[in-house]
Amino acid sequence: MVQFHQSYCYEDFVRGYRPAAEGNGMFELKDAVFYIFCKKAENDPENKYVFIIDEINRGNISQIFGELLMLIEADKRNSKYAVPLMYSRENEERFFIPPNVFIIGLMNLADRSLALVDYALRRRFAFISLTPKYKTEIYHKWLKDRNMKDELINLIGNRMSALNEEIGKDNLLGPNFWIGHSYFCPNKIDFSQLERSWYENVVKSEIIPLIQEYWFDNSDRVNELRDRLLAP
């Protein structure tokens, strides 16, 4: 798993020249994370290898993937379409991405400062939307298995579902700005000690500052939603 960002590049992802371990201003050609991953998968064809790219739309896709942008296509995952890498070693075989490599890209569409995704990359992926569902049996069971009280589970489900409904109806926001479960998935094994005060603390310190950003020009709206979230 890697995370793309504005400074991430081909040399970080595939291969490039990096300072030598010995120092002295010398550089050496080093394989990077995706190249190493693909070679491992190629040598183990009986198993599936999953490579996860978090924040895939934050990087410069063409710069990071380079000639690999063609190779990730499903019908080009074999040696027939192998190509020489930008930085090739002498007498090195051409490179291809083996068919047992699966690439999963994660992104949050709420950040309007970013392009959604490079169109050349978009047609190489299937897209699945993951949306918050506070009232599902799965989420309820996950909390219940960790001994959270029913009253607190219902409070979270009802209040956050209502808030997301309001966000979804706003023409300037919409479903991409729904607030997810992570705020209410504490890093504990046992939730039995959690009380309403914990919920209120999360709302005050994390949820309300977020909706203040959403409706930065409408303080009345923020106050209304805050009162709903914290109502007795």
Protein backbone atom coordinates (compact mmCIF):
# COMPACT_ATOMS: atom_id res chain seq x y z
CA MET A 1 0.00 0.00 0.00
CA VAL A 2 1.22 3.49 -0.90
CA GLN A 3 -0.27 6.96 -0.75
CA PHE A 4 0.06 9.35 -3.67
CA HIS A 5 0.74 13.06 -3.13
CA GLN A 6 1.85 16.02 -5.24
CA SER A 7 5.54 15.17 -4.90
CA TYR A 8 5.19 11.43 -5.60
CA CYS A 9 6.92 10.47 -8.86
CA TYR A 10 7.98 7.65 -11.18
CA GLU A 11 11.24 7.21 -9.28
CA ASP A 12 9.27 6.55 -6.08
CA PHE A 13 6.91 4.13 -7.79
CA VAL A 14 8.81 2.20 -10.47
CA ARG A 15 12.55 2.88 -10.63
CA GLY A 16 15.00 5.75 -10.53
CA TYR A 17 18.36 7.10 -9.48
CA ARG A 18 18.73 7.60 -5.73
CA PRO A 19 21.67 8.58 -3.50
CA ALA A 20 23.97 5.62 -2.91
CA ALA A 21 24.23 4.17 0.57
CA GLU A 22 27.93 5.00 0.62
CA GLY A 23 27.21 8.71 0.15
CA ASN A 24 29.96 10.82 -1.46
CA GLY A 25 27.44 12.39 -3.83
CA MET A 26 27.08 9.15 -5.81
CA PHE A 27 23.77 7.89 -7.22
CA GLU A 28 22.65 4.39 -8.11
CA LEU A 29 19.69 2.91 -9.98
CA LYS A 30 17.15 1.52 -7.50
CA ASP A 31 13.98 -0.44 -8.04
CA ALA A 32 10.93 1.11 -6.35
CA VAL A 33 7.90 -0.35 -4.62
CA PHE A 34 5.64 -1.22 -7.58
CA TYR A 35 8.41 -2.80 -9.66
CA ILE A 36 9.47 -4.98 -6.72
CA PHE A 37 5.84 -5.90 -6.05
CA CYS A 38 5.23 -6.97 -9.67
CA LYS A 39 8.38 -9.09 -9.77
CA LYS A 40 7.30 -10.85 -6.60
CA ALA A 41 3.89 -11.56 -8.14
CA GLU A 42 5.48 -12.77 -11.38
CA ASN A 43 7.49 -15.34 -9.42
CA ASP A 44 4.40 -16.54 -7.56
CA PRO A 45 1.72 -16.95 -10.27
CA GLU A 46 -0.51 -19.21 -8.16
CA ASN A 47 -1.42 -16.38 -5.77
CA LYS A 48 -3.15 -13.03 -6.18
CA TYR A 49 -1.33 -9.82 -5.27
CA VAL A 50 -3.27 -6.68 -4.36
CA PHE A 51 -1.60 -3.27 -4.59
CA ILE A 52 -3.55 -0.46 -2.88
CA ILE A 53 -3.01 3.19 -3.82
CA ASP A 54 -4.55 5.61 -1.32
CA GLU A 55 -5.40 9.13 -2.55
CA ILE A 56 -4.81 8.04 -6.14
CA ASN A 57 -6.16 11.33 -7.52
CA ARG A 58 -3.65 13.42 -5.55
CA GLY A 59 -0.70 12.37 -7.68
CA ASN A 60 0.31 13.27 -11.22
CA ILE A 61 -0.82 10.01 -12.81
CA SER A 62 1.14 10.35 -16.07
CA GLN A 63 4.32 11.25 -14.21
CA ILE A 64 4.01 8.41 -11.69
CA PHE A 65 2.98 5.57 -14.00
CA GLY A 66 4.89 6.60 -17.13
CA GLU A 67 4.90 3.75 -19.64
CA LEU A 68 3.09 1.53 -17.11
CA LEU A 69 -0.16 3.37 -17.83
CA MET A 70 -0.58 1.10 -20.84
CA LEU A 71 0.54 -2.03 -19.01
CA ILE A 72 -2.14 -1.89 -16.31
CA GLU A 73 -4.87 -2.56 -18.89
CA ALA A 74 -6.46 -5.97 -18.36
CA ASP A 75 -5.71 -7.21 -21.89
CA LYS A 76 -2.02 -6.28 -21.75
CA ARG A 77 -0.98 -8.26 -18.67
CA ASN A 78 1.52 -10.57 -20.34
CA SER A 79 5.01 -10.62 -21.83
CA LYS A 80 3.66 -9.93 -25.34
CA TYR A 81 3.17 -6.28 -24.33
CA ALA A 82 6.35 -5.95 -22.29
CA VAL A 83 8.17 -2.62 -22.71
CA PRO A 84 11.61 -1.28 -21.77
CA LEU A 85 11.50 0.86 -18.65
CA MET A 86 12.48 4.52 -18.65
CA TYR A 87 15.55 3.58 -16.60
CA SER A 88 16.74 0.23 -17.98
CA ARG A 89 19.73 -1.85 -17.01
CA GLU A 90 22.02 -3.30 -19.63
CA ASN A 91 20.66 -6.51 -21.21
CA GLU A 92 17.57 -6.33 -19.02
CA GLU A 93 14.37 -8.07 -20.13
CA ARG A 94 11.40 -5.88 -20.94
CA PHE A 95 8.90 -5.28 -18.16
CA PHE A 96 5.23 -6.25 -17.94
CA ILE A 97 2.64 -6.34 -15.16
CA PRO A 98 1.61 -9.94 -14.44
CA PRO A 99 -2.10 -10.90 -14.56
CA ASN A 100 -2.20 -11.81 -10.86
CA VAL A 101 -1.60 -8.18 -9.81
CA PHE A 102 -4.75 -6.30 -8.83
CA ILE A 103 -4.63 -2.52 -8.33
CA ILE A 104 -7.11 -0.78 -6.03
CA GLY A 105 -7.17 3.03 -6.04
CA LEU A 106 -8.88 4.93 -3.22
CA MET A 107 -9.98 8.56 -3.40
CA ASN A 108 -12.28 11.08 -1.79
CA LEU A 109 -14.25 13.08 -4.33
CA ALA A 110 -15.12 15.80 -1.81
CA ASP A 111 -11.85 17.68 -2.35
CA ARG A 112 -12.72 20.13 -5.11
CA SER A 113 -9.14 21.34 -5.39
CA LEU A 114 -8.28 18.11 -7.21
CA ALA A 115 -9.14 16.75 -10.62
CA LEU A 116 -11.45 13.79 -10.14
CA VAL A 117 -9.13 11.42 -11.94
CA ASP A 118 -7.06 11.36 -15.12
CA TYR A 119 -9.36 10.18 -17.93
CA ALA A 120 -6.66 7.89 -19.33
CA LEU A 121 -6.58 6.16 -15.96
CA ARG A 122 -10.37 6.21 -15.45
CA ARG A 123 -11.08 3.90 -18.38
CA ARG A 124 -8.68 1.33 -16.96
CA PHE A 125 -10.64 0.93 -13.71
CA ALA A 126 -14.09 -0.14 -12.58
CA PHE A 127 -15.56 2.27 -10.04
CA ILE A 128 -17.32 1.41 -6.78
CA SER A 129 -18.79 4.05 -4.46
CA LEU A 130 -18.49 3.40 -0.73
CA THR A 131 -21.01 5.45 1.23
CA PRO A 132 -21.69 5.71 4.98
CA LYS A 133 -24.62 3.60 6.16
CA TYR A 134 -25.01 4.19 9.86
CA LYS A 135 -28.22 2.20 10.18
CA THR A 136 -27.09 -1.03 8.54
CA GLU A 137 -27.10 -4.32 10.44
CA ILE A 138 -23.39 -4.76 9.73
CA TYR A 139 -22.39 -1.49 11.42
CA HIS A 140 -24.80 -2.11 14.30
CA LYS A 141 -23.37 -5.61 14.80
CA TRP A 142 -19.79 -4.31 14.65
CA LEU A 143 -20.50 -1.90 17.50
CA LYS A 144 -22.60 -4.43 19.42
CA ASP A 145 -19.86 -7.08 19.20
CA ARG A 146 -17.62 -4.60 20.99
CA ASN A 147 -20.19 -4.09 23.75
CA MET A 148 -21.44 -0.63 22.85
CA LYS A 149 -24.77 0.17 24.49
CA ASP A 150 -27.86 0.04 22.27
CA GLU A 151 -28.84 3.56 23.29
CA LEU A 152 -25.51 4.94 22.07
CA ILE A 153 -25.64 2.90 18.84
CA ASN A 154 -29.09 4.27 18.05
CA LEU A 155 -28.03 7.81 18.93
CA ILE A 156 -25.11 7.67 16.49
CA GLY A 157 -27.19 6.03 13.76
CA ASN A 158 -30.14 8.40 13.99
CA ARG A 159 -28.26 11.68 14.40
CA MET A 160 -25.56 11.04 11.79
CA SER A 161 -28.00 9.64 9.24
CA ALA A 162 -30.15 12.76 9.64
CA LEU A 163 -27.10 15.00 9.24
CA ASN A 164 -26.00 13.19 6.07
CA GLU A 165 -29.50 13.55 4.68
CA GLU A 166 -29.21 17.32 5.07
CA ILE A 167 -25.75 17.33 3.47
CA GLY A 168 -27.01 15.24 0.57
CA LYS A 169 -29.87 17.67 -0.14
CA ASP A 170 -27.56 20.69 -0.34
CA ASN A 171 -26.88 21.58 -3.99
CA LEU A 172 -23.39 22.83 -3.17
CA LEU A 173 -22.43 19.69 -1.26
CA GLY A 174 -24.24 16.44 -2.04
CA PRO A 175 -23.41 12.77 -1.32
CA ASN A 176 -19.65 13.20 -1.85
CA PHE A 177 -19.60 15.24 1.37
CA TRP A 178 -21.41 12.70 3.55
CA ILE A 179 -19.66 12.10 6.87
CA GLY A 180 -18.38 8.56 7.32
CA HIS A 181 -18.19 6.01 10.12
CA SER A 182 -14.57 6.54 11.08
CA TYR A 183 -15.43 9.26 13.58
CA PHE A 184 -17.40 6.69 15.55
CA CYS A 185 -15.07 3.69 15.31
CA PRO A 186 -12.84 4.14 18.37
CA ASN A 187 -9.53 2.31 18.51
CA LYS A 188 -10.60 -0.01 21.31
CA ILE A 189 -11.68 -3.62 21.75
CA ASP A 190 -14.32 -2.93 24.40
CA PHE A 191 -16.81 -0.05 23.94
CA SER A 192 -18.82 -0.84 27.08
CA GLN A 193 -17.41 2.16 28.97
CA LEU A 194 -18.38 4.67 26.29
CA GLU A 195 -21.19 7.02 27.25
CA ARG A 196 -23.16 9.80 25.61
CA SER A 197 -20.40 12.21 26.72
CA TRP A 198 -18.02 10.44 24.31
CA TYR A 199 -20.47 10.97 21.44
CA GLU A 200 -20.89 14.65 22.36
CA ASN A 201 -17.13 15.14 22.51
CA VAL A 202 -16.71 13.70 18.99
CA VAL A 203 -19.50 15.92 17.70
CA LYS A 204 -18.09 19.07 19.31
CA SER A 205 -14.43 18.51 18.42
CA GLU A 206 -14.72 16.83 14.99
CA ILE A 207 -18.19 16.96 13.41
CA ILE A 208 -19.15 20.57 14.17
CA PRO A 209 -15.81 22.00 12.91
CA LEU A 210 -16.40 20.05 9.69
CA ILE A 211 -19.91 21.38 9.11
CA GLN A 212 -18.62 24.87 9.91
CA GLU A 213 -16.37 24.41 6.87
CA TYR A 214 -19.27 23.11 4.80
CA TRP A 215 -21.53 26.08 5.65
CA PHE A 216 -18.86 28.68 6.36
CA ASP A 217 -21.18 31.44 5.11
CA ASN A 218 -24.29 30.29 6.96
CA SER A 219 -23.81 30.31 10.73
CA ASP A 220 -27.55 29.92 11.35
CA ARG A 221 -27.50 26.62 9.46
CA VAL A 222 -24.50 25.41 11.46
CA ASN A 223 -26.16 26.32 14.76
CA GLU A 224 -29.35 24.51 13.74
CA LEU A 225 -27.50 21.31 12.87
CA ARG A 226 -25.35 21.52 15.99
CA ASP A 227 -28.47 21.77 18.14
CA ARG A 228 -29.93 18.70 16.40
CA LEU A 229 -26.78 16.66 16.96
CA LEU A 230 -26.56 17.58 20.64
CA ALA A 231 -30.27 17.61 21.48
CA PRO A 232 -31.18 15.65 24.68
